[in-house]
Amino acid sequence: MIDPDARERQALQTAMKFMGELMAEIGWATRFNELSAEQAQALAEAAIDGFQEAMAASTPKTDLEVPF
């Protein structure tokens, strides 16, 4: 990501929280090169899920009501 805006920076903070929760389960003393393939994939998924959820939550809501 090049030059993230404020919304993206906030979403990155959320992604790091998701990753931190998973790292607490794995163990903070575990080095990245010691992660299993499943653990590495779970960390990547946590980062992406956290980012996407935060971006979706911060998206302005449009009025979906039918005007007639």
N, C-alpha and C. Protein backbone atom coordinates (compact mmCIF):
# COMPACT_ATOMS: atom_id res chain seq x y z
N MET A 1 0.85 -1.16 0.00
CA MET A 1 0.00 0.00 0.00
C MET A 1 0.91 1.23 0.00
N ILE A 2 0.68 2.09 -0.93
CA ILE A 2 1.47 3.31 -1.04
C ILE A 2 0.63 4.47 -0.53
N ASP A 3 1.19 5.24 0.39
CA ASP A 3 0.57 6.44 0.92
C ASP A 3 -0.87 6.18 1.40
N PRO A 4 -1.04 5.35 2.43
CA PRO A 4 -2.40 5.06 2.91
C PRO A 4 -3.06 6.31 3.49
N ASP A 5 -4.36 6.42 3.28
CA ASP A 5 -5.09 7.54 3.86
C ASP A 5 -5.44 7.21 5.31
N ALA A 6 -6.11 8.13 5.98
CA ALA A 6 -6.42 7.95 7.40
C ALA A 6 -7.28 6.72 7.65
N ARG A 7 -8.24 6.50 6.78
CA ARG A 7 -9.13 5.34 6.92
C ARG A 7 -8.35 4.04 6.77
N GLU A 8 -7.44 3.99 5.83
CA GLU A 8 -6.62 2.80 5.62
C GLU A 8 -5.66 2.59 6.79
N ARG A 9 -5.11 3.67 7.34
CA ARG A 9 -4.22 3.54 8.50
C ARG A 9 -4.98 2.97 9.69
N GLN A 10 -6.21 3.42 9.88
CA GLN A 10 -7.04 2.90 10.96
C GLN A 10 -7.34 1.42 10.72
N ALA A 11 -7.61 1.05 9.49
CA ALA A 11 -7.88 -0.35 9.16
C ALA A 11 -6.65 -1.21 9.41
N LEU A 12 -5.47 -0.66 9.17
CA LEU A 12 -4.23 -1.39 9.46
C LEU A 12 -4.09 -1.63 10.95
N GLN A 13 -4.50 -0.66 11.77
CA GLN A 13 -4.46 -0.85 13.22
C GLN A 13 -5.36 -2.02 13.63
N THR A 14 -6.53 -2.09 13.03
CA THR A 14 -7.45 -3.19 13.31
C THR A 14 -6.85 -4.51 12.87
N ALA A 15 -6.22 -4.52 11.70
CA ALA A 15 -5.57 -5.74 11.20
C ALA A 15 -4.49 -6.21 12.16
N MET A 16 -3.73 -5.28 12.71
CA MET A 16 -2.68 -5.65 13.66
C MET A 16 -3.27 -6.22 14.95
N LYS A 17 -4.43 -5.73 15.36
CA LYS A 17 -5.09 -6.29 16.54
C LYS A 17 -5.50 -7.73 16.28
N PHE A 18 -6.04 -8.00 15.09
CA PHE A 18 -6.42 -9.37 14.73
C PHE A 18 -5.18 -10.27 14.76
N MET A 19 -4.09 -9.78 14.18
CA MET A 19 -2.85 -10.56 14.15
C MET A 19 -2.30 -10.75 15.57
N GLY A 20 -2.42 -9.73 16.40
CA GLY A 20 -1.93 -9.83 17.77
C GLY A 20 -2.67 -10.87 18.57
N GLU A 21 -3.98 -10.96 18.37
CA GLU A 21 -4.77 -11.99 19.06
C GLU A 21 -4.29 -13.38 18.66
N LEU A 22 -4.02 -13.56 17.40
CA LEU A 22 -3.55 -14.86 16.92
C LEU A 22 -2.14 -15.15 17.43
N MET A 23 -1.28 -14.14 17.44
CA MET A 23 0.08 -14.35 17.94
C MET A 23 0.06 -14.69 19.43
N ALA A 24 -0.91 -14.18 20.17
CA ALA A 24 -1.03 -14.54 21.58
C ALA A 24 -1.32 -16.03 21.72
N GLU A 25 -2.11 -16.57 20.81
CA GLU A 25 -2.40 -18.01 20.82
C GLU A 25 -1.18 -18.82 20.41
N ILE A 26 -0.49 -18.36 19.38
CA ILE A 26 0.68 -19.08 18.86
C ILE A 26 1.83 -19.00 19.85
N GLY A 27 2.02 -17.83 20.41
CA GLY A 27 3.12 -17.59 21.34
C GLY A 27 4.03 -16.51 20.80
N TRP A 28 4.20 -15.45 21.58
CA TRP A 28 4.98 -14.31 21.12
C TRP A 28 6.45 -14.64 20.93
N ALA A 29 6.93 -15.67 21.59
CA ALA A 29 8.35 -16.04 21.45
C ALA A 29 8.63 -16.78 20.15
N THR A 30 7.58 -17.17 19.44
CA THR A 30 7.73 -17.89 18.18
C THR A 30 8.23 -16.95 17.10
N ARG A 31 9.33 -17.31 16.47
CA ARG A 31 9.85 -16.50 15.36
C ARG A 31 9.04 -16.81 14.10
N PHE A 32 8.99 -15.84 13.21
CA PHE A 32 8.22 -16.04 11.98
C PHE A 32 8.73 -17.23 11.17
N ASN A 33 10.03 -17.45 11.17
CA ASN A 33 10.56 -18.57 10.39
C ASN A 33 10.28 -19.91 11.07
N GLU A 34 9.73 -19.89 12.28
CA GLU A 34 9.36 -21.11 12.98
C GLU A 34 7.87 -21.43 12.85
N LEU A 35 7.12 -20.54 12.23
CA LEU A 35 5.69 -20.78 12.07
C LEU A 35 5.45 -21.93 11.10
N SER A 36 4.42 -22.71 11.39
CA SER A 36 4.02 -23.73 10.42
C SER A 36 3.34 -23.02 9.25
N ALA A 37 3.18 -23.73 8.17
CA ALA A 37 2.48 -23.15 7.02
C ALA A 37 1.06 -22.73 7.40
N GLU A 38 0.42 -23.53 8.23
CA GLU A 38 -0.95 -23.22 8.66
C GLU A 38 -0.98 -21.95 9.52
N GLN A 39 0.00 -21.80 10.41
CA GLN A 39 0.06 -20.61 11.25
C GLN A 39 0.34 -19.36 10.41
N ALA A 40 1.24 -19.46 9.47
CA ALA A 40 1.55 -18.32 8.60
C ALA A 40 0.33 -17.93 7.79
N GLN A 41 -0.38 -18.91 7.28
CA GLN A 41 -1.60 -18.61 6.51
C GLN A 41 -2.65 -17.99 7.41
N ALA A 42 -2.79 -18.48 8.62
CA ALA A 42 -3.76 -17.91 9.55
C ALA A 42 -3.43 -16.46 9.88
N LEU A 43 -2.15 -16.14 10.02
CA LEU A 43 -1.75 -14.74 10.26
C LEU A 43 -2.08 -13.86 9.07
N ALA A 44 -1.83 -14.35 7.87
CA ALA A 44 -2.16 -13.58 6.67
C ALA A 44 -3.67 -13.36 6.58
N GLU A 45 -4.44 -14.40 6.88
CA GLU A 45 -5.90 -14.28 6.84
C GLU A 45 -6.39 -13.31 7.91
N ALA A 46 -5.79 -13.35 9.09
CA ALA A 46 -6.19 -12.43 10.16
C ALA A 46 -5.94 -10.98 9.74
N ALA A 47 -4.80 -10.73 9.11
CA ALA A 47 -4.48 -9.39 8.66
C ALA A 47 -5.46 -8.91 7.60
N ILE A 48 -5.74 -9.75 6.64
CA ILE A 48 -6.65 -9.38 5.55
C ILE A 48 -8.07 -9.22 6.07
N ASP A 49 -8.52 -10.17 6.90
CA ASP A 49 -9.87 -10.08 7.45
C ASP A 49 -10.04 -8.81 8.29
N GLY A 50 -9.06 -8.52 9.14
CA GLY A 50 -9.14 -7.33 9.97
C GLY A 50 -9.20 -6.06 9.14
N PHE A 51 -8.36 -5.99 8.12
CA PHE A 51 -8.33 -4.82 7.25
C PHE A 51 -9.67 -4.67 6.53
N GLN A 52 -10.16 -5.75 5.93
CA GLN A 52 -11.40 -5.67 5.18
C GLN A 52 -12.59 -5.32 6.07
N GLU A 53 -12.65 -5.91 7.26
CA GLU A 53 -13.75 -5.61 8.17
C GLU A 53 -13.74 -4.14 8.58
N ALA A 54 -12.55 -3.63 8.88
CA ALA A 54 -12.45 -2.22 9.29
C ALA A 54 -12.81 -1.29 8.14
N MET A 55 -12.38 -1.61 6.94
CA MET A 55 -12.72 -0.77 5.79
C MET A 55 -14.22 -0.80 5.55
N ALA A 56 -14.84 -1.96 5.65
CA ALA A 56 -16.28 -2.07 5.43
C ALA A 56 -17.05 -1.31 6.51
N ALA A 57 -16.59 -1.41 7.74
CA ALA A 57 -17.27 -0.73 8.85
C ALA A 57 -17.16 0.79 8.73
N SER A 58 -16.09 1.28 8.12
CA SER A 58 -15.89 2.72 8.02
C SER A 58 -16.42 3.32 6.72
N THR A 59 -17.00 2.48 5.87
CA THR A 59 -17.56 2.96 4.61
C THR A 59 -18.85 3.72 4.88
N PRO A 60 -18.97 4.91 4.33
CA PRO A 60 -20.22 5.65 4.53
C PRO A 60 -21.40 4.84 4.01
N LYS A 61 -22.46 4.81 4.82
CA LYS A 61 -23.65 4.06 4.43
C LYS A 61 -24.52 4.92 3.53
N THR A 62 -25.03 4.32 2.49
CA THR A 62 -25.94 5.04 1.60
C THR A 62 -27.36 4.63 1.93
N ASP A 63 -28.27 5.50 1.63
CA ASP A 63 -29.68 5.22 1.89
C ASP A 63 -30.17 4.23 0.84
N LEU A 64 -30.51 3.03 1.28
CA LEU A 64 -30.94 1.99 0.36
C LEU A 64 -32.47 1.92 0.25
N GLU A 65 -33.15 2.87 0.87
CA GLU A 65 -34.59 2.87 0.84
C GLU A 65 -35.08 3.28 -0.55
N VAL A 66 -36.07 2.56 -1.04
CA VAL A 66 -36.67 2.87 -2.32
C VAL A 66 -37.49 4.15 -2.18
N PRO A 67 -37.28 5.13 -3.04
CA PRO A 67 -37.93 6.44 -2.86
C PRO A 67 -39.40 6.49 -3.24
N PHE A 68 -40.04 5.40 -3.53
CA PHE A 68 -41.45 5.46 -3.87
C PHE A 68 -42.24 4.44 -3.11
